[in-house]
Protein backbone atom coordinates (compact mmCIF):
# COMPACT_ATOMS: atom_id res chain seq x y z
CA UNK A 1 322.85 118.57 6.77
CA UNK A 2 320.63 115.53 6.24
CA UNK A 3 316.90 116.50 6.28
CA UNK A 4 316.12 113.49 8.49
CA UNK A 5 318.58 114.71 11.13
CA UNK A 6 317.01 118.17 11.12
CA UNK A 7 313.50 116.70 11.34
CA UNK A 8 314.62 114.60 14.31
CA UNK A 9 316.10 117.66 16.01
CA UNK A 10 312.84 119.57 15.54
CA UNK A 11 310.68 116.66 16.71
CA UNK A 12 312.70 116.14 19.89
CA UNK A 13 312.66 119.87 20.68
CA UNK A 14 308.90 120.09 20.18
CA UNK A 15 308.41 116.89 22.16
CA UNK A 16 310.27 118.36 25.13
CA UNK A 17 308.04 121.43 24.99
CA UNK A 18 304.96 119.18 24.97
CA UNK A 19 306.25 117.21 27.96
CA UNK A 20 306.73 120.43 29.89
CA UNK A 21 303.24 121.63 29.01
CA UNK A 22 301.72 118.27 29.90
CA UNK A 23 303.38 118.24 33.33
CA UNK A 24 302.63 121.89 34.07
CA UNK A 25 299.00 121.89 32.89
CA UNK A 26 296.81 124.97 33.05
CA UNK A 27 297.35 125.81 29.37
CA UNK A 28 294.86 127.63 27.15
CA UNK A 29 292.49 125.51 25.06
CA UNK A 30 290.36 126.91 22.24
CA UNK A 31 287.67 125.50 19.95
CA UNK A 32 288.75 125.43 16.28
CA UNK A 33 285.44 123.89 15.21
CA UNK A 34 282.56 122.01 16.81
CA UNK A 35 284.68 118.88 17.34
CA UNK A 36 288.26 120.19 17.04
CA UNK A 37 290.41 121.75 19.77
CA UNK A 38 293.63 123.72 19.64
CA UNK A 39 295.96 124.58 22.52
CA UNK A 40 298.68 127.14 22.98
CA UNK A 41 301.15 124.26 22.67
CA UNK A 42 299.98 123.42 19.14
CA UNK A 43 301.03 126.92 18.10
CA UNK A 44 304.19 127.12 20.21
CA UNK A 45 305.42 123.76 18.94
CA UNK A 46 304.70 124.66 15.32
CA UNK A 47 306.67 127.90 15.68
CA UNK A 48 309.57 126.02 17.27
CA UNK A 49 309.60 123.34 14.56
CA UNK A 50 309.44 125.88 11.74
CA UNK A 51 312.29 127.88 13.27
CA UNK A 52 314.56 124.83 13.43
CA UNK A 53 313.70 123.63 9.92
CA UNK A 54 314.10 127.05 8.32
CA UNK A 55 317.50 127.65 9.86
CA UNK A 56 318.92 124.80 7.79
CA UNK A 57 316.54 124.75 4.83
CA UNK A 58 315.24 128.32 4.42
CA UNK A 59 314.13 127.78 0.81
CA UNK A 60 311.86 124.81 1.47
CA UNK A 61 308.10 125.34 1.49
CA UNK A 62 306.14 124.64 4.67
CA UNK A 63 302.63 123.39 5.37
CA UNK A 64 301.68 123.44 9.05
CA UNK A 65 298.38 122.51 10.68
CA UNK A 66 298.22 125.69 12.76
CA UNK A 67 298.45 128.05 9.82
CA UNK A 68 302.16 128.40 9.14
CA UNK A 69 302.59 128.21 5.38
CA UNK A 70 305.43 129.25 3.10
CA UNK A 71 305.89 128.62 -0.60
CA UNK A 72 309.66 129.02 -0.38
CA UNK A 73 311.95 129.42 -3.37
CA UNK A 74 312.12 125.62 -3.69
CA UNK A 75 308.38 125.05 -3.62
CA UNK A 76 308.73 121.50 -4.98
CA UNK A 77 310.26 120.57 -1.61
CA UNK A 78 307.85 120.96 1.29
CA UNK A 79 307.82 120.25 5.02
CA UNK A 80 304.45 118.97 6.27
CA UNK A 81 304.01 119.51 10.01
CA UNK A 82 301.55 118.43 12.67
CA UNK A 83 303.02 119.97 15.83
CA UNK A 84 300.61 118.12 18.12
CA UNK A 85 299.03 114.96 16.78
CA UNK A 86 296.30 114.12 19.28
CA UNK A 87 295.44 117.61 20.51
CA UNK A 88 292.21 116.51 22.21
CA UNK A 89 294.12 113.79 24.06
CA UNK A 90 296.69 116.35 25.21
CA UNK A 91 294.02 118.82 26.27
CA UNK A 92 292.01 116.25 28.25
CA UNK A 93 294.89 114.48 29.96
CA UNK A 94 294.84 111.32 27.84
CA UNK A 95 298.51 110.29 27.54
CA UNK A 96 298.79 109.66 23.81
CA UNK A 97 300.00 112.42 21.51
CA UNK A 98 303.01 113.27 19.41
CA UNK A 99 304.84 115.39 16.87
CA UNK A 100 304.71 114.60 13.14
CA UNK A 101 307.14 116.00 10.56
CA UNK A 102 307.42 114.92 6.91
CA UNK A 103 309.39 116.14 3.92
CA UNK A 104 307.76 115.93 0.51
CA UNK A 105 309.74 116.23 -2.72
CA UNK A 106 307.84 116.71 -5.99
CA UNK A 107 304.72 115.18 -4.47
CA UNK A 108 306.48 112.19 -2.87
CA UNK A 109 307.12 111.95 0.86
CA UNK A 110 310.81 111.12 1.37
CA UNK A 111 311.33 111.70 5.12
CA UNK A 112 309.01 111.00 8.03
CA UNK A 113 309.44 111.46 11.79
CA UNK A 114 306.80 110.87 14.47
CA UNK A 115 307.78 111.38 18.10
CA UNK A 116 305.78 110.32 21.17
CA UNK A 117 307.32 112.41 23.97
CA UNK A 118 305.67 110.71 26.94
CA UNK A 119 306.86 107.26 25.85
CA UNK A 120 310.09 108.72 24.41
CA UNK A 121 309.48 106.76 21.22
CA UNK A 122 310.74 108.18 17.95
CA UNK A 123 309.62 106.59 14.69
CA UNK A 124 311.60 107.59 11.61
CA UNK A 125 311.98 106.65 7.97
CA UNK A 126 313.65 107.74 4.76
CA UNK A 127 312.27 106.66 1.40
CA UNK A 128 313.85 103.34 0.43
CA UNK A 129 315.84 102.95 3.67
CA UNK A 130 313.39 101.17 5.98
CA UNK A 131 311.75 102.36 9.17
CA UNK A 132 312.98 102.46 12.75
CA UNK A 133 311.77 102.97 16.30
CA UNK A 134 314.45 104.59 18.45
CA UNK A 135 316.98 103.65 15.75
CA UNK A 136 316.02 99.95 15.73
CA UNK A 137 314.42 98.50 12.57
CA UNK A 138 310.70 97.76 12.70
CA UNK A 139 308.28 95.83 10.52
CA UNK A 140 304.57 95.21 10.28
CA UNK A 141 302.85 92.22 11.88
CA UNK A 142 302.40 88.96 10.01
CA UNK A 143 298.66 88.72 10.69
CA UNK A 144 296.96 87.51 7.52
CA UNK A 145 293.30 87.37 8.55
CA UNK A 146 291.07 90.27 9.50
CA UNK A 147 289.38 87.99 12.02
CA UNK A 148 292.68 87.89 13.94
CA UNK A 149 293.55 91.56 13.46
CA UNK A 150 293.67 94.52 15.84
CA UNK A 151 292.52 97.46 13.73
CA UNK A 152 292.41 101.20 14.46
CA UNK A 153 290.43 104.12 13.10
CA UNK A 154 288.81 107.40 14.11
CA UNK A 155 286.06 109.82 13.14
CA UNK A 156 286.17 112.99 11.00
CA UNK A 157 285.91 116.41 12.64
CA UNK A 158 282.65 117.08 10.77
CA UNK A 159 280.96 113.91 12.06
CA UNK A 160 278.15 115.96 13.63
CA UNK A 161 277.08 117.34 10.27
CA UNK A 162 278.36 114.94 7.60
CA UNK A 163 276.67 111.71 6.59
CA UNK A 164 280.13 110.38 5.73
CA UNK A 165 280.97 110.02 9.42
CA UNK A 166 282.77 106.63 9.32
CA UNK A 167 280.17 104.91 11.49
CA UNK A 168 279.09 102.63 8.63
CA UNK A 169 282.68 101.46 8.17
CA UNK A 170 283.08 100.96 11.91
CA UNK A 171 279.95 98.81 11.88
CA UNK A 172 281.48 96.65 9.15
CA UNK A 173 284.88 96.39 10.82
CA UNK A 174 283.56 95.60 14.30
CA UNK A 175 281.84 92.54 12.80
CA UNK A 176 284.96 91.39 10.90
CA UNK A 177 288.06 92.25 12.96
CA UNK A 178 289.25 90.77 16.23
CA UNK A 179 288.87 94.22 17.80
CA UNK A 180 288.91 97.91 16.83
CA UNK A 181 290.62 100.82 18.60
CA UNK A 182 290.15 104.60 18.48
CA UNK A 183 293.08 106.50 19.96
CA UNK A 184 292.61 109.91 18.32
CA UNK A 185 296.13 110.27 16.91
CA UNK A 186 296.42 109.34 13.23
CA UNK A 187 300.20 109.60 12.93
CA UNK A 188 300.75 107.41 15.97
CA UNK A 189 298.16 104.91 14.70
CA UNK A 190 300.10 104.58 11.45
CA UNK A 191 303.29 104.06 13.42
CA UNK A 192 301.54 101.41 15.52
CA UNK A 193 300.87 99.56 12.26
CA UNK A 194 304.52 100.01 11.30
CA UNK A 195 305.79 98.29 14.44
CA UNK A 196 303.10 95.60 14.60
CA UNK A 197 301.07 96.85 17.56
CA UNK A 198 298.11 97.34 15.26
CA UNK A 199 297.58 95.13 12.24
CA UNK A 200 295.77 97.76 10.19
CA UNK A 201 294.46 101.32 10.21
CA UNK A 202 291.83 103.09 8.14
CA UNK A 203 290.34 106.58 8.34
CA UNK A 204 289.08 109.47 6.22
CA UNK A 205 288.49 113.18 6.72
CA UNK A 206 292.21 113.63 7.30
CA UNK A 207 294.64 116.34 6.24
CA UNK A 208 298.11 115.87 4.74
CA UNK A 209 299.77 116.63 8.08
CA UNK A 210 297.80 113.83 9.74
CA UNK A 211 299.04 111.22 7.28
CA UNK A 212 302.31 112.16 5.60
CA UNK A 213 305.01 111.12 8.09
CA UNK A 214 303.20 108.10 9.51
CA UNK A 215 302.32 106.81 6.05
CA UNK A 216 305.96 106.77 4.95
CA UNK A 217 307.01 105.05 8.18
CA UNK A 218 304.32 102.39 7.70
CA UNK A 219 305.31 101.90 4.06
CA UNK A 220 308.98 101.54 4.90
CA UNK A 221 308.06 98.98 7.58
CA UNK A 222 306.29 96.85 4.98
CA UNK A 223 302.70 98.08 4.97
CA UNK A 224 300.68 98.86 1.90
CA UNK A 225 299.37 102.41 2.29
CA UNK A 226 296.67 103.54 -0.11
CA UNK A 227 293.43 105.43 -0.39
CA UNK A 228 290.14 103.52 -0.12
CA UNK A 229 290.30 102.62 -3.81
CA UNK A 230 293.71 101.03 -3.44
CA UNK A 231 295.43 103.94 -5.18
CA UNK A 232 298.24 106.25 -4.12
CA UNK A 233 296.18 109.45 -3.73
CA UNK A 234 295.74 109.14 0.03
CA UNK A 235 297.29 112.52 0.83
CA UNK A 236 295.11 114.32 -1.70
CA UNK A 237 291.93 112.40 -0.86
CA UNK A 238 292.45 112.54 2.91
CA UNK A 239 291.67 108.86 3.35
CA UNK A 240 294.01 106.01 4.14
CA UNK A 241 294.26 102.25 4.57
CA UNK A 242 297.53 100.93 6.01
CA UNK A 243 298.05 97.19 6.44
CA UNK A 244 300.24 94.25 5.44
CA UNK A 245 299.49 93.05 1.92
CA UNK A 246 297.26 90.10 2.89
CA UNK A 247 295.08 92.21 5.15
CA UNK A 248 295.10 95.21 2.85
CA UNK A 249 293.28 93.43 0.04
CA UNK A 250 290.58 92.26 2.44
CA UNK A 251 290.07 95.78 3.83
CA UNK A 252 289.96 97.44 0.40
CA UNK A 253 287.27 94.97 -0.63
CA UNK A 254 285.22 96.03 2.41
CA UNK A 255 285.79 99.78 2.27
CA UNK A 256 286.53 100.57 -1.35
């Protein structure tokens, strides 16, 4: 079975579980760190996703945000899972969150799926095959000037204690871009770049599960996706810039 089809099956199943939890409410919320929450649905969705993926690909390794990890017998092939992108939004009733599933082969992400269950929007991509929203091709915006761009970012979970809290970069971008948004869901922000809702996205202090699927979708939609130096180590460095080529060069010059 095609890995993309299995990832889609898992994302839709987890998305339905999130919709049910959202409508029902009253779920348990815990504090993972000073600025990071986790709910029972993070863990339930991760377990559901892992179960579906392992039924078809039992030998693949797994990296999940909520602690599920497996080296597998084919460790060079790895699923990277964020079962609930935008946990704080979900926990506080802000209607923007999703499921993110990526497949990495020998260090390269080859499949990406991000599903927004409330909007019923499913972003998907395979390496070299383009990106789609609900099976229709998407592409980045044609905005070529930062002064005309809608840009998104966020803040790291250690912002209370780290000097590298992104506020300096926000200060720069607020003075250069048309406007800046903070939605608290990295994978969905990357997908918003992919379909042209946002012109660009930057952030650091991220984990692989925050970036992997959305980065591939943005790339396949025509965005340049790099680390702050303009290189390809964004998963390892936990920092990302995603934008059309003309904007990307301008942002790298500001942030790099």
